[in-house]
Amino acid sequence: MGETRWLDAVQQRAWRSYIDGSMRLAEMLERDLKARHGLSMAEYEILVRLAEAPGRRLRMASLAASVSQSRSRLSHTVRRLEAAGLVAREACGTDRRGVECVLTERGFGLLREAAPGHVETVRELFVDVVAPEDLEAIGRAFRAVGERIDALR
C-alpha cells in the first residue's frame, strides 16, 4: 500500500477551507430553496436537467448519471416530484424496457419561479465573492476532479 502522503500545511488549509465552505454553501442553498419553494437541491437539480433536455425528458439512467445520484436514490426523489405533479414517468418510446422522466408544465413553472432567486443566492454566496480568475480555476479544478472520479468508476 505504501507510505501515506500526508498533506502539507498549505494543502491542509486549502482542503479544510474547501470542506468548510462547500458544506456551508450547500446548506445555505438547500435552506433557501426549501424556504422559498419547498424544493431540495437534489429535486431542483433534477428539474434543471429535465428542463435542459430535448423534449424536457430523459431516461432515468441518463438522469441518474447527470445528477450524480444512484438509480435507487433518484427513483425515490422522482417519486416525490411525481407525487407533487412536477414530473411524470413514461415508458420510453424507443425501448419498452426503458423509463423516461418528463418535466410537467407544473414542474417547469415551479422551476421558472425558483431559478431567479436560486441564481441570485449562488451569485451572492459564491460567484460575486470569488475573483473571476479564481472562479475559472475552480471550474478547471473540479472538472479535473470529476474526470478523475469518472475514470475510477
Protein backbone atom coordinates (compact mmCIF):
# COMPACT_ATOMS: atom_id res chain seq x y z
CA MET A 1 0.00 0.00 0.00
CA GLY A 2 2.92 2.33 0.53
CA GLU A 3 3.68 5.21 2.77
CA THR A 4 0.96 7.82 3.46
CA ARG A 5 1.48 11.05 1.55
CA TRP A 6 0.34 13.50 4.23
CA LEU A 7 -0.90 16.94 3.27
CA ASP A 8 1.47 19.80 3.93
CA ALA A 9 0.24 22.90 5.78
CA VAL A 10 -0.83 24.76 2.62
CA GLN A 11 -2.67 21.72 1.25
CA GLN A 12 -4.32 21.10 4.61
CA ARG A 13 -5.57 24.72 4.86
CA ALA A 14 -6.91 24.58 1.29
CA TRP A 15 -8.62 21.23 1.89
CA ARG A 16 -10.23 22.36 5.14
CA SER A 17 -11.36 25.63 3.56
CA TYR A 18 -12.92 23.68 0.70
CA ILE A 19 -14.72 21.26 3.05
CA ASP A 20 -15.99 24.03 5.32
CA GLY A 21 -17.01 26.42 2.53
CA SER A 22 -18.61 23.83 0.26
CA MET A 23 -20.64 22.27 3.08
CA ARG A 24 -21.83 25.63 4.34
CA LEU A 25 -22.67 26.79 0.81
CA ALA A 26 -24.64 23.61 0.07
CA GLU A 27 -26.51 24.00 3.37
CA MET A 28 -27.42 27.62 2.60
CA LEU A 29 -28.56 26.81 -0.95
CA GLU A 30 -30.66 23.90 0.36
CA ARG A 31 -32.22 26.03 3.10
CA ASP A 32 -33.01 28.84 0.67
CA LEU A 33 -34.68 26.58 -1.91
CA LYS A 34 -36.67 24.78 0.79
CA ALA A 35 -37.87 28.01 2.39
CA ARG A 36 -38.81 29.75 -0.84
CA HIS A 37 -40.06 26.88 -2.99
CA GLY A 38 -40.25 23.68 -0.94
CA LEU A 39 -37.52 22.07 -3.07
CA SER A 40 -34.35 20.29 -2.07
CA MET A 41 -31.16 20.84 -4.07
CA ALA A 42 -31.50 17.30 -5.44
CA GLU A 43 -35.05 18.00 -6.61
CA TYR A 44 -34.07 21.35 -8.10
CA GLU A 45 -31.18 19.76 -9.99
CA ILE A 46 -33.49 17.12 -11.47
CA LEU A 47 -35.90 19.82 -12.67
CA VAL A 48 -33.00 21.76 -14.21
CA ARG A 49 -31.62 18.70 -16.05
CA LEU A 50 -35.05 17.86 -17.42
CA ALA A 51 -35.69 21.47 -18.49
CA GLU A 52 -32.40 21.46 -20.42
CA ALA A 53 -33.10 18.11 -22.14
CA PRO A 54 -34.74 17.78 -25.56
CA GLY A 55 -38.48 17.48 -25.05
CA ARG A 56 -37.90 18.07 -21.33
CA ARG A 57 -37.39 14.33 -20.88
CA LEU A 58 -34.53 11.97 -20.03
CA ARG A 59 -34.20 8.25 -19.49
CA MET A 60 -33.92 7.53 -15.79
CA ALA A 61 -30.41 6.07 -16.23
CA SER A 62 -29.21 9.22 -18.04
CA LEU A 63 -30.84 11.43 -15.44
CA ALA A 64 -29.15 9.49 -12.62
CA ALA A 65 -25.75 9.93 -14.27
CA SER A 66 -26.27 13.64 -14.90
CA VAL A 67 -27.25 14.44 -11.30
CA SER A 68 -24.72 12.09 -9.70
CA GLN A 69 -27.31 10.05 -7.81
CA SER A 70 -27.69 6.31 -7.61
CA ARG A 71 -30.65 4.93 -9.51
CA SER A 72 -32.40 3.94 -6.28
CA ARG A 73 -31.93 7.38 -4.72
CA LEU A 74 -33.07 9.06 -7.93
CA SER A 75 -36.13 6.81 -8.06
CA HIS A 76 -37.08 7.88 -4.54
CA THR A 77 -36.60 11.58 -5.35
CA VAL A 78 -38.53 11.29 -8.62
CA ARG A 79 -41.37 9.58 -6.73
CA ARG A 80 -41.68 12.68 -4.50
CA LEU A 81 -41.59 15.00 -7.52
CA GLU A 82 -44.16 12.82 -9.29
CA ALA A 83 -46.49 12.91 -6.26
CA ALA A 84 -46.27 16.72 -6.37
CA GLY A 85 -47.15 16.73 -10.08
CA LEU A 86 -43.77 18.19 -11.08
CA VAL A 87 -42.58 15.24 -13.19
CA ALA A 88 -44.10 12.14 -14.76
CA ARG A 89 -42.61 8.78 -15.63
CA GLU A 90 -43.41 7.36 -19.04
CA ALA A 91 -42.39 4.30 -21.00
CA CYS A 92 -39.57 5.04 -23.41
CA GLY A 93 -40.85 5.23 -26.99
CA THR A 94 -37.75 3.58 -28.47
CA ASP A 95 -37.17 0.90 -25.80
CA ARG A 96 -40.12 -0.62 -23.96
CA ARG A 97 -37.91 -1.62 -21.04
CA GLY A 98 -36.75 1.95 -20.54
CA VAL A 99 -38.48 4.61 -18.47
CA GLU A 100 -38.23 8.33 -19.10
CA CYS A 101 -38.71 11.11 -16.61
CA VAL A 102 -40.66 14.01 -18.09
CA LEU A 103 -40.91 17.54 -16.70
CA THR A 104 -44.56 18.58 -16.43
CA GLU A 105 -45.83 22.08 -17.09
CA ARG A 106 -46.33 22.47 -13.35
CA GLY A 107 -42.71 21.41 -12.76
CA PHE A 108 -41.44 23.78 -15.43
CA GLY A 109 -43.49 26.59 -13.89
CA LEU A 110 -42.01 25.95 -10.45
CA LEU A 111 -38.51 25.87 -11.92
CA ARG A 112 -39.12 29.20 -13.71
CA GLU A 113 -40.29 30.62 -10.39
CA ALA A 114 -37.38 29.19 -8.35
CA ALA A 115 -34.47 29.76 -10.75
CA PRO A 116 -34.07 33.56 -10.46
CA GLY A 117 -33.84 33.51 -6.67
CA HIS A 118 -31.58 30.47 -6.68
CA VAL A 119 -29.21 32.07 -9.17
CA GLU A 120 -29.18 35.25 -7.10
CA THR A 121 -28.25 33.24 -4.00
CA VAL A 122 -25.50 31.43 -5.95
CA ARG A 123 -24.18 34.82 -7.08
CA GLU A 124 -24.39 36.37 -3.61
CA LEU A 125 -22.68 33.49 -1.78
CA PHE A 126 -20.25 32.24 -4.43
CA VAL A 127 -19.83 33.95 -7.80
CA ASP A 128 -19.67 37.54 -6.56
CA VAL A 129 -17.22 36.78 -3.73
CA VAL A 130 -14.71 34.84 -5.85
CA ALA A 131 -12.34 36.70 -8.17
CA PRO A 132 -13.01 35.90 -11.86
CA GLU A 133 -9.61 34.22 -12.31
CA ASP A 134 -10.23 32.11 -9.19
CA LEU A 135 -13.69 31.17 -10.45
CA GLU A 136 -12.11 29.91 -13.68
CA ALA A 137 -9.52 27.99 -11.67
CA ILE A 138 -12.26 26.41 -9.52
CA GLY A 139 -14.06 25.34 -12.69
CA ARG A 140 -10.90 23.78 -14.13
CA ALA A 141 -10.06 22.11 -10.83
CA PHE A 142 -13.43 20.48 -10.37
CA ARG A 143 -13.66 19.37 -13.99
CA ALA A 144 -10.36 17.56 -13.32
CA VAL A 145 -11.73 16.11 -10.07
CA GLY A 146 -14.87 14.94 -11.89
CA GLU A 147 -12.82 13.36 -14.66
CA ARG A 148 -10.66 11.51 -12.11
CA ILE A 149 -13.73 10.19 -10.33
CA ASP A 150 -15.35 9.14 -13.63
CA ALA A 151 -12.16 7.30 -14.60
CA LEU A 152 -12.24 5.34 -11.32
CA ARG A 153 -15.83 4.16 -11.80
